[in-house]
PDB file of N, CA and C in Angstrom:
ATOM      1  N   MET A   1      -0.221 -79.131  70.858  1.00  0.00           N
ATOM      2  CA  MET A   1      -1.519 -78.536  70.660  1.00  0.00           C
ATOM      3  C   MET A   1      -1.593 -77.280  71.520  1.00  0.00           C
ATOM      4  N   SER A   2      -2.010 -76.194  70.929  1.00  0.00           N
ATOM      5  CA  SER A   2      -2.257 -74.988  71.715  1.00  0.00           C
ATOM      6  C   SER A   2      -3.705 -75.012  72.194  1.00  0.00           C
ATOM      7  N   LEU A   3      -4.001 -74.172  73.168  1.00  0.00           N
ATOM      8  CA  LEU A   3      -5.319 -74.192  73.792  1.00  0.00           C
ATOM      9  C   LEU A   3      -5.721 -72.758  74.093  1.00  0.00           C
ATOM     10  N   GLU A   4      -6.820 -72.304  73.491  1.00  0.00           N
ATOM     11  CA  GLU A   4      -7.333 -70.958  73.737  1.00  0.00           C
ATOM     12  C   GLU A   4      -8.798 -71.054  74.154  1.00  0.00           C
ATOM     13  N   LEU A   5      -9.129 -70.475  75.292  1.00  0.00           N
ATOM     14  CA  LEU A   5     -10.498 -70.506  75.795  1.00  0.00           C
ATOM     15  C   LEU A   5     -11.382 -69.610  74.942  1.00  0.00           C
ATOM     16  N   LEU A   6     -12.458 -70.183  74.407  1.00  0.00           N
ATOM     17  CA  LEU A   6     -13.420 -69.428  73.613  1.00  0.00           C
ATOM     18  C   LEU A   6     -14.657 -69.050  74.409  1.00  0.00           C
ATOM     19  N   GLU A   7     -15.118 -69.971  75.273  1.00  0.00           N
ATOM     20  CA  GLU A   7     -16.393 -69.752  75.945  1.00  0.00           C
ATOM     21  C   GLU A   7     -16.497 -70.665  77.156  1.00  0.00           C
ATOM     22  N   ALA A   8     -17.221 -70.205  78.154  1.00  0.00           N
ATOM     23  CA  ALA A   8     -17.510 -71.017  79.340  1.00  0.00           C
ATOM     24  C   ALA A   8     -18.879 -70.621  79.866  1.00  0.00           C
ATOM     25  N   HIS A   9     -19.648 -71.617  80.309  1.00  0.00           N
ATOM     26  CA  HIS A   9     -20.941 -71.325  80.913  1.00  0.00           C
ATOM     27  C   HIS A   9     -21.335 -72.447  81.866  1.00  0.00           C
ATOM     28  N   GLN A  10     -22.221 -72.091  82.781  1.00  0.00           N
ATOM     29  CA  GLN A  10     -22.696 -73.046  83.775  1.00  0.00           C
ATOM     30  C   GLN A  10     -23.734 -73.966  83.142  1.00  0.00           C
ATOM     31  N   THR A  11     -23.691 -75.240  83.542  1.00  0.00           N
ATOM     32  CA  THR A  11     -24.665 -76.230  83.083  1.00  0.00           C
ATOM     33  C   THR A  11     -25.268 -76.917  84.304  1.00  0.00           C
ATOM     34  N   ALA A  12     -26.224 -77.783  84.059  1.00  0.00           N
ATOM     35  CA  ALA A  12     -26.834 -78.535  85.155  1.00  0.00           C
ATOM     36  C   ALA A  12     -25.827 -79.440  85.849  1.00  0.00           C
ATOM     37  N   ARG A  13     -24.776 -79.864  85.114  1.00  0.00           N
ATOM     38  CA  ARG A  13     -23.771 -80.773  85.677  1.00  0.00           C
ATOM     39  C   ARG A  13     -22.497 -80.071  86.125  1.00  0.00           C
ATOM     40  N   GLY A  14     -22.429 -78.757  85.980  1.00  0.00           N
ATOM     41  CA  GLY A  14     -21.216 -78.040  86.380  1.00  0.00           C
ATOM     42  C   GLY A  14     -20.919 -76.891  85.447  1.00  0.00           C
ATOM     43  N   ILE A  15     -19.798 -77.021  84.706  1.00  0.00           N
ATOM     44  CA  ILE A  15     -19.351 -75.968  83.791  1.00  0.00           C
ATOM     45  C   ILE A  15     -18.963 -76.599  82.465  1.00  0.00           C
ATOM     46  N   SER A  16     -19.340 -75.940  81.383  1.00  0.00           N
ATOM     47  CA  SER A  16     -18.918 -76.340  80.044  1.00  0.00           C
ATOM     48  C   SER A  16     -17.931 -75.289  79.542  1.00  0.00           C
ATOM     49  N   VAL A  17     -16.784 -75.744  79.038  1.00  0.00           N
ATOM     50  CA  VAL A  17     -15.783 -74.840  78.473  1.00  0.00           C
ATOM     51  C   VAL A  17     -15.487 -75.273  77.043  1.00  0.00           C
ATOM     52  N   THR A  18     -15.270 -74.302  76.181  1.00  0.00           N
ATOM     53  CA  THR A  18     -14.954 -74.582  74.785  1.00  0.00           C
ATOM     54  C   THR A  18     -13.623 -73.939  74.464  1.00  0.00           C
ATOM     55  N   PHE A  19     -12.730 -74.751  73.893  1.00  0.00           N
ATOM     56  CA  PHE A  19     -11.392 -74.298  73.541  1.00  0.00           C
ATOM     57  C   PHE A  19     -11.179 -74.400  72.036  1.00  0.00           C
ATOM     58  N   ALA A  20     -10.379 -73.494  71.492  1.00  0.00           N
ATOM     59  CA  ALA A  20      -9.857 -73.637  70.137  1.00  0.00           C
ATOM     60  C   ALA A  20      -8.487 -74.292  70.281  1.00  0.00           C
ATOM     61  N   THR A  21      -8.253 -75.344  69.513  1.00  0.00           N
ATOM     62  CA  THR A  21      -6.972 -76.046  69.543  1.00  0.00           C
ATOM     63  C   THR A  21      -6.435 -76.147  68.123  1.00  0.00           C
ATOM     64  N   ASP A  22      -5.226 -76.639  68.002  1.00  0.00           N
ATOM     65  CA  ASP A  22      -4.644 -76.884  66.680  1.00  0.00           C
ATOM     66  C   ASP A  22      -5.453 -77.902  65.896  1.00  0.00           C
ATOM     67  N   ARG A  23      -6.206 -78.716  66.598  1.00  0.00           N
ATOM     68  CA  ARG A  23      -6.997 -79.786  65.964  1.00  0.00           C
ATOM     69  C   ARG A  23      -8.471 -79.429  65.811  1.00  0.00           C
ATOM     70  N   GLY A  24      -8.859 -78.199  66.135  1.00  0.00           N
ATOM     71  CA  GLY A  24     -10.245 -77.779  66.004  1.00  0.00           C
ATOM     72  C   GLY A  24     -10.825 -77.355  67.339  1.00  0.00           C
ATOM     73  N   ILE A  25     -12.148 -77.351  67.409  1.00  0.00           N
ATOM     74  CA  ILE A  25     -12.858 -76.939  68.614  1.00  0.00           C
ATOM     75  C   ILE A  25     -13.032 -78.141  69.543  1.00  0.00           C
ATOM     76  N   GLU A  26     -12.718 -77.950  70.823  1.00  0.00           N
ATOM     77  CA  GLU A  26     -12.879 -78.991  71.844  1.00  0.00           C
ATOM     78  C   GLU A  26     -13.757 -78.446  72.963  1.00  0.00           C
ATOM     79  N   SER A  27     -14.817 -79.156  73.288  1.00  0.00           N
ATOM     80  CA  SER A  27     -15.676 -78.779  74.411  1.00  0.00           C
ATOM     81  C   SER A  27     -15.514 -79.794  75.528  1.00  0.00           C
ATOM     82  N   LEU A  28     -15.413 -79.294  76.743  1.00  0.00           N
ATOM     83  CA  LEU A  28     -15.309 -80.137  77.928  1.00  0.00           C
ATOM     84  C   LEU A  28     -16.405 -79.721  78.894  1.00  0.00           C
ATOM     85  N   GLU A  29     -17.003 -80.694  79.558  1.00  0.00           N
ATOM     86  CA  GLU A  29     -17.988 -80.390  80.593  1.00  0.00           C
ATOM     87  C   GLU A  29     -17.651 -81.202  81.827  1.00  0.00           C
ATOM     88  N   GLY A  30     -17.542 -80.523  82.946  1.00  0.00           N
ATOM     89  CA  GLY A  30     -17.215 -81.208  84.186  1.00  0.00           C
ATOM     90  C   GLY A  30     -17.726 -80.431  85.375  1.00  0.00           C
ATOM     91  N   SER A  31     -17.419 -80.939  86.545  1.00  0.00           N
ATOM     92  CA  SER A  31     -17.838 -80.267  87.777  1.00  0.00           C
ATOM     93  C   SER A  31     -17.071 -78.954  87.911  1.00  0.00           C
ATOM     94  N   CYS A  32     -17.576 -78.104  88.786  1.00  0.00           N
ATOM     95  CA  CYS A  32     -16.899 -76.835  89.050  1.00  0.00           C
ATOM     96  C   CYS A  32     -15.477 -77.078  89.560  1.00  0.00           C
ATOM     97  N   ASP A  33     -15.310 -78.082  90.418  1.00  0.00           N
ATOM     98  CA  ASP A  33     -13.979 -78.399  90.953  1.00  0.00           C
ATOM     99  C   ASP A  33     -13.027 -78.872  89.855  1.00  0.00           C
ATOM    100  N   GLU A  34     -13.514 -79.712  88.943  1.00  0.00           N
ATOM    101  CA  GLU A  34     -12.670 -80.209  87.850  1.00  0.00           C
ATOM    102  C   GLU A  34     -12.203 -79.067  86.950  1.00  0.00           C
ATOM    103  N   VAL A  35     -13.116 -78.191  86.576  1.00  0.00           N
ATOM    104  CA  VAL A  35     -12.763 -77.077  85.688  1.00  0.00           C
ATOM    105  C   VAL A  35     -11.855 -76.080  86.406  1.00  0.00           C
ATOM    106  N   ALA A  36     -12.090 -75.858  87.690  1.00  0.00           N
ATOM    107  CA  ALA A  36     -11.220 -74.965  88.467  1.00  0.00           C
ATOM    108  C   ALA A  36      -9.804 -75.530  88.552  1.00  0.00           C
ATOM    109  N   ARG A  37      -9.697 -76.845  88.751  1.00  0.00           N
ATOM    110  CA  ARG A  37      -8.361 -77.465  88.794  1.00  0.00           C
ATOM    111  C   ARG A  37      -7.672 -77.344  87.446  1.00  0.00           C
ATOM    112  N   LEU A  38      -8.407 -77.556  86.350  1.00  0.00           N
ATOM    113  CA  LEU A  38      -7.832 -77.391  85.016  1.00  0.00           C
ATOM    114  C   LEU A  38      -7.316 -75.962  84.836  1.00  0.00           C
ATOM    115  N   ALA A  39      -8.077 -74.977  85.253  1.00  0.00           N
ATOM    116  CA  ALA A  39      -7.649 -73.579  85.123  1.00  0.00           C
ATOM    117  C   ALA A  39      -6.370 -73.310  85.914  1.00  0.00           C
ATOM    118  N   ARG A  40      -6.282 -73.858  87.138  1.00  0.00           N
ATOM    119  CA  ARG A  40      -5.069 -73.672  87.951  1.00  0.00           C
ATOM    120  C   ARG A  40      -3.851 -74.306  87.290  1.00  0.00           C
ATOM    121  N   VAL A  41      -4.020 -75.532  86.795  1.00  0.00           N
ATOM    122  CA  VAL A  41      -2.901 -76.226  86.166  1.00  0.00           C
ATOM    123  C   VAL A  41      -2.486 -75.511  84.880  1.00  0.00           C
ATOM    124  N   MET A  42      -3.466 -75.045  84.096  1.00  0.00           N
ATOM    125  CA  MET A  42      -3.136 -74.295  82.876  1.00  0.00           C
ATOM    126  C   MET A  42      -2.322 -73.046  83.203  1.00  0.00           C
ATOM    127  N   GLN A  43      -2.695 -72.354  84.272  1.00  0.00           N
ATOM    128  CA  GLN A  43      -1.970 -71.159  84.685  1.00  0.00           C
ATOM    129  C   GLN A  43      -0.535 -71.501  85.099  1.00  0.00           C
ATOM    130  N   GLN A  44      -0.371 -72.571  85.867  1.00  0.00           N
ATOM    131  CA  GLN A  44       0.965 -72.984  86.313  1.00  0.00           C
ATOM    132  C   GLN A  44       1.837 -73.402  85.139  1.00  0.00           C
ATOM    133  N   VAL A  45       1.279 -74.193  84.223  1.00  0.00           N
ATOM    134  CA  VAL A  45       2.052 -74.648  83.056  1.00  0.00           C
ATOM    135  C   VAL A  45       2.431 -73.451  82.186  1.00  0.00           C
ATOM    136  N   GLY A  46       1.520 -72.507  82.017  1.00  0.00           N
ATOM    137  CA  GLY A  46       1.837 -71.305  81.240  1.00  0.00           C
ATOM    138  C   GLY A  46       2.996 -70.523  81.831  1.00  0.00           C
ATOM    139  N   ALA A  47       3.011 -70.399  83.154  1.00  0.00           N
ATOM    140  CA  ALA A  47       4.098 -69.682  83.815  1.00  0.00           C
ATOM    141  C   ALA A  47       5.430 -70.412  83.650  1.00  0.00           C
ATOM    142  N   LEU A  48       5.404 -71.731  83.796  1.00  0.00           N
ATOM    143  CA  LEU A  48       6.640 -72.511  83.621  1.00  0.00           C
ATOM    144  C   LEU A  48       7.107 -72.509  82.173  1.00  0.00           C
ATOM    145  N   ALA A  49       6.172 -72.545  81.241  1.00  0.00           N
ATOM    146  CA  ALA A  49       6.544 -72.563  79.816  1.00  0.00           C
ATOM    147  C   ALA A  49       7.342 -71.319  79.447  1.00  0.00           C
ATOM    148  N   ALA A  50       6.985 -70.190  80.022  1.00  0.00           N
ATOM    149  CA  ALA A  50       7.694 -68.942  79.714  1.00  0.00           C
ATOM    150  C   ALA A  50       9.163 -69.001  80.105  1.00  0.00           C
ATOM    151  N   LEU A  51       9.518 -69.915  80.996  1.00  0.00           N
ATOM    152  CA  LEU A  51      10.900 -70.047  81.466  1.00  0.00           C
ATOM    153  C   LEU A  51      11.647 -71.209  80.812  1.00  0.00           C
ATOM    154  N   ASN A  52      10.954 -72.040  80.067  1.00  0.00           N
ATOM    155  CA  ASN A  52      11.527 -73.282  79.555  1.00  0.00           C
ATOM    156  C   ASN A  52      12.086 -73.124  78.143  1.00  0.00           C
ATOM    157  N   GLU A  53      13.337 -73.451  77.987  1.00  0.00           N
ATOM    158  CA  GLU A  53      13.970 -73.384  76.663  1.00  0.00           C
ATOM    159  C   GLU A  53      14.117 -74.751  76.007  1.00  0.00           C
ATOM    160  N   HIS A  54      14.410 -75.805  76.809  1.00  0.00           N
ATOM    161  CA  HIS A  54      14.854 -77.061  76.209  1.00  0.00           C
ATOM    162  C   HIS A  54      14.068 -78.309  76.599  1.00  0.00           C
ATOM    163  N   GLU A  55      13.346 -78.275  77.690  1.00  0.00           N
ATOM    164  CA  GLU A  55      12.695 -79.489  78.196  1.00  0.00           C
ATOM    165  C   GLU A  55      11.395 -79.810  77.462  1.00  0.00           C
ATOM    166  N   GLN A  56      11.154 -81.118  77.281  1.00  0.00           N
ATOM    167  CA  GLN A  56       9.878 -81.618  76.790  1.00  0.00           C
ATOM    168  C   GLN A  56       9.392 -82.651  77.791  1.00  0.00           C
ATOM    169  N   VAL A  57       8.323 -82.298  78.515  1.00  0.00           N
ATOM    170  CA  VAL A  57       7.877 -83.151  79.614  1.00  0.00           C
ATOM    171  C   VAL A  57       6.395 -82.899  79.896  1.00  0.00           C
ATOM    172  N   TRP A  58       5.693 -83.962  80.292  1.00  0.00           N
ATOM    173  CA  TRP A  58       4.322 -83.817  80.781  1.00  0.00           C
ATOM    174  C   TRP A  58       4.412 -83.477  82.258  1.00  0.00           C
ATOM    175  N   LEU A  59       3.627 -82.505  82.715  1.00  0.00           N
ATOM    176  CA  LEU A  59       3.677 -82.074  84.109  1.00  0.00           C
ATOM    177  C   LEU A  59       2.483 -82.522  84.929  1.00  0.00           C
ATOM    178  N   ASP A  60       1.299 -82.553  84.320  1.00  0.00           N
ATOM    179  CA  ASP A  60       0.107 -82.875  85.100  1.00  0.00           C
ATOM    180  C   ASP A  60      -0.977 -83.411  84.175  1.00  0.00           C
ATOM    181  N   GLU A  61      -1.948 -84.053  84.789  1.00  0.00           N
ATOM    182  CA  GLU A  61      -3.079 -84.622  84.072  1.00  0.00           C
ATOM    183  C   GLU A  61      -4.340 -84.317  84.876  1.00  0.00           C
ATOM    184  N   VAL A  62      -5.358 -83.764  84.210  1.00  0.00           N
ATOM    185  CA  VAL A  62      -6.589 -83.346  84.879  1.00  0.00           C
ATOM    186  C   VAL A  62      -7.773 -84.027  84.214  1.00  0.00           C
ATOM    187  N   THR A  63      -8.630 -84.648  85.007  1.00  0.00           N
ATOM    188  CA  THR A  63      -9.859 -85.233  84.484  1.00  0.00           C
ATOM    189  C   THR A  63     -10.958 -84.182  84.544  1.00  0.00           C
ATOM    190  N   VAL A  64     -11.619 -83.988  83.401  1.00  0.00           N
ATOM    191  CA  VAL A  64     -12.760 -83.076  83.304  1.00  0.00           C
ATOM    192  C   VAL A  64     -13.870 -83.848  82.606  1.00  0.00           C
ATOM    193  N   GLY A  65     -14.884 -84.251  83.380  1.00  0.00           N
ATOM    194  CA  GLY A  65     -15.991 -85.015  82.799  1.00  0.00           C
ATOM    195  C   GLY A  65     -15.499 -86.309  82.180  1.00  0.00           C
ATOM    196  N   ASP A  66     -15.748 -86.478  80.866  1.00  0.00           N
ATOM    197  CA  ASP A  66     -15.361 -87.702  80.156  1.00  0.00           C
ATOM    198  C   ASP A  66     -14.017 -87.577  79.439  1.00  0.00           C
ATOM    199  N   ALA A  67     -13.202 -86.618  79.865  1.00  0.00           N
ATOM    200  CA  ALA A  67     -11.919 -86.387  79.188  1.00  0.00           C
ATOM    201  C   ALA A  67     -10.788 -86.267  80.202  1.00  0.00           C
ATOM    202  N   THR A  68      -9.603 -86.584  79.714  1.00  0.00           N
ATOM    203  CA  THR A  68      -8.376 -86.353  80.463  1.00  0.00           C
ATOM    204  C   THR A  68      -7.557 -85.338  79.691  1.00  0.00           C
ATOM    205  N   VAL A  69      -7.113 -84.298  80.384  1.00  0.00           N
ATOM    206  CA  VAL A  69      -6.309 -83.247  79.767  1.00  0.00           C
ATOM    207  C   VAL A  69      -4.911 -83.340  80.351  1.00  0.00           C
ATOM    208  N   LYS A  70      -3.920 -83.657  79.497  1.00  0.00           N
ATOM    209  CA  LYS A  70      -2.518 -83.686  79.916  1.00  0.00           C
ATOM    210  C   LYS A  70      -1.893 -82.364  79.526  1.00  0.00           C
ATOM    211  N   LEU A  71      -1.123 -81.794  80.438  1.00  0.00           N
ATOM    212  CA  LEU A  71      -0.466 -80.523  80.189  1.00  0.00           C
ATOM    213  C   LEU A  71       1.012 -80.642  80.499  1.00  0.00           C
ATOM    214  N   GLY A  72       1.818 -79.987  79.686  1.00  0.00           N
ATOM    215  CA  GLY A  72       3.257 -80.061  79.894  1.00  0.00           C
ATOM    216  C   GLY A  72       3.989 -78.963  79.157  1.00  0.00           C
ATOM    217  N   LEU A  73       5.281 -79.193  78.991  1.00  0.00           N
ATOM    218  CA  LEU A  73       6.174 -78.221  78.370  1.00  0.00           C
ATOM    219  C   LEU A  73       6.822 -78.813  77.133  1.00  0.00           C
ATOM    220  N   LYS A  74       7.128 -77.934  76.181  1.00  0.00           N
ATOM    221  CA  LYS A  74       7.957 -78.336  75.054  1.00  0.00           C
ATOM    222  C   LYS A  74       8.977 -77.232  74.810  1.00  0.00           C
ATOM    223  N   PRO A  75      10.074 -77.558  74.141  1.00  0.00           N
ATOM    224  CA  PRO A  75      11.141 -76.571  73.949  1.00  0.00           C
ATOM    225  C   PRO A  75      10.634 -75.287  73.283  1.00  0.00           C
ATOM    226  N   GLY A  76      11.343 -74.207  73.561  1.00  0.00           N
ATOM    227  CA  GLY A  76      11.006 -72.937  72.934  1.00  0.00           C
ATOM    228  C   GLY A  76       9.948 -72.158  73.676  1.00  0.00           C
ATOM    229  N   ARG A  77       9.863 -72.380  75.011  1.00  0.00           N
ATOM    230  CA  ARG A  77       8.922 -71.632  75.850  1.00  0.00           C
ATOM    231  C   ARG A  77       7.471 -71.855  75.460  1.00  0.00           C
ATOM    232  N   GLN A  78       7.141 -73.098  75.149  1.00  0.00           N
ATOM    233  CA  GLN A  78       5.786 -73.439  74.750  1.00  0.00           C
ATOM    234  C   GLN A  78       5.192 -74.497  75.678  1.00  0.00           C
ATOM    235  N   ALA A  79       3.870 -74.445  75.791  1.00  0.00           N
ATOM    236  CA  ALA A  79       3.149 -75.470  76.543  1.00  0.00           C
ATOM    237  C   ALA A  79       2.673 -76.532  75.568  1.00  0.00           C
ATOM    238  N   ARG A  80       2.382 -77.706  76.101  1.00  0.00           N
ATOM    239  CA  ARG A  80       1.801 -78.770  75.282  1.00  0.00           C
ATOM    240  C   ARG A  80       0.569 -79.310  75.978  1.00  0.00           C
ATOM    241  N   VAL A  81      -0.404 -79.711  75.180  1.00  0.00           N
ATOM    242  CA  VAL A  81      -1.691 -80.165  75.696  1.00  0.00           C
ATOM    243  C   VAL A  81      -2.151 -81.356  74.879  1.00  0.00           C
ATOM    244  N   ARG A  82      -2.745 -82.333  75.555  1.00  0.00           N
ATOM    245  CA  ARG A  82      -3.376 -83.470  74.879  1.00  0.00           C
ATOM    246  C   ARG A  82      -4.694 -83.748  75.582  1.00  0.00           C
ATOM    247  N   ILE A  83      -5.780 -83.772  74.802  1.00  0.00           N
ATOM    248  CA  ILE A  83      -7.111 -84.076  75.334  1.00  0.00           C
ATOM    249  C   ILE A  83      -7.521 -85.442  74.829  1.00  0.00           C
ATOM    250  N   ARG A  84      -7.844 -86.328  75.760  1.00  0.00           N
ATOM    251  CA  ARG A  84      -8.294 -87.685  75.402  1.00  0.00           C
ATOM    252  C   ARG A  84      -9.639 -87.948  76.028  1.00  0.00           C
ATOM    253  N   ARG A  85     -10.526 -88.528  75.239  1.00  0.00           N
ATOM    254  CA  ARG A  85     -11.846 -88.920  75.739  1.00  0.00           C
ATOM    255  C   ARG A  85     -11.793 -90.379  76.173  1.00  0.00           C
ATOM    256  N   PHE A  86     -12.524 -90.712  77.221  1.00  0.00           N
ATOM    257  CA  PHE A  86     -12.588 -92.114  77.641  1.00  0.00           C
ATOM    258  C   PHE A  86     -14.018 -92.565  77.755  1.00  0.00           C
TER     259      PHE A  86
END
C-alpha cells in the first residue's frame, strides 16, 4: 500500500491526518506525539526504501489513535504500509 498525505489539521484530541492509499482514503486521529512519531518513522522508511533492492521486511509499528500503522520495505526501492483498526 502506498501512502500520500492529503490533509492534516488540529482537533480537540490532537491531530487528524488524511492519506490517499491504494485502498482508498484513510483518516487517522491521534495525539500530537503519535502523529509526530508516525511522521518520523515514515521519513526513515522512505529513506531506507530508496536504498533497498531485494528485502521485504516490516521495520516499525506506530499506534495512532484507534489504529496501528506498520511500515516496512519491499523489493524495488518501495515502502510498504498496513493500517489496522482495533
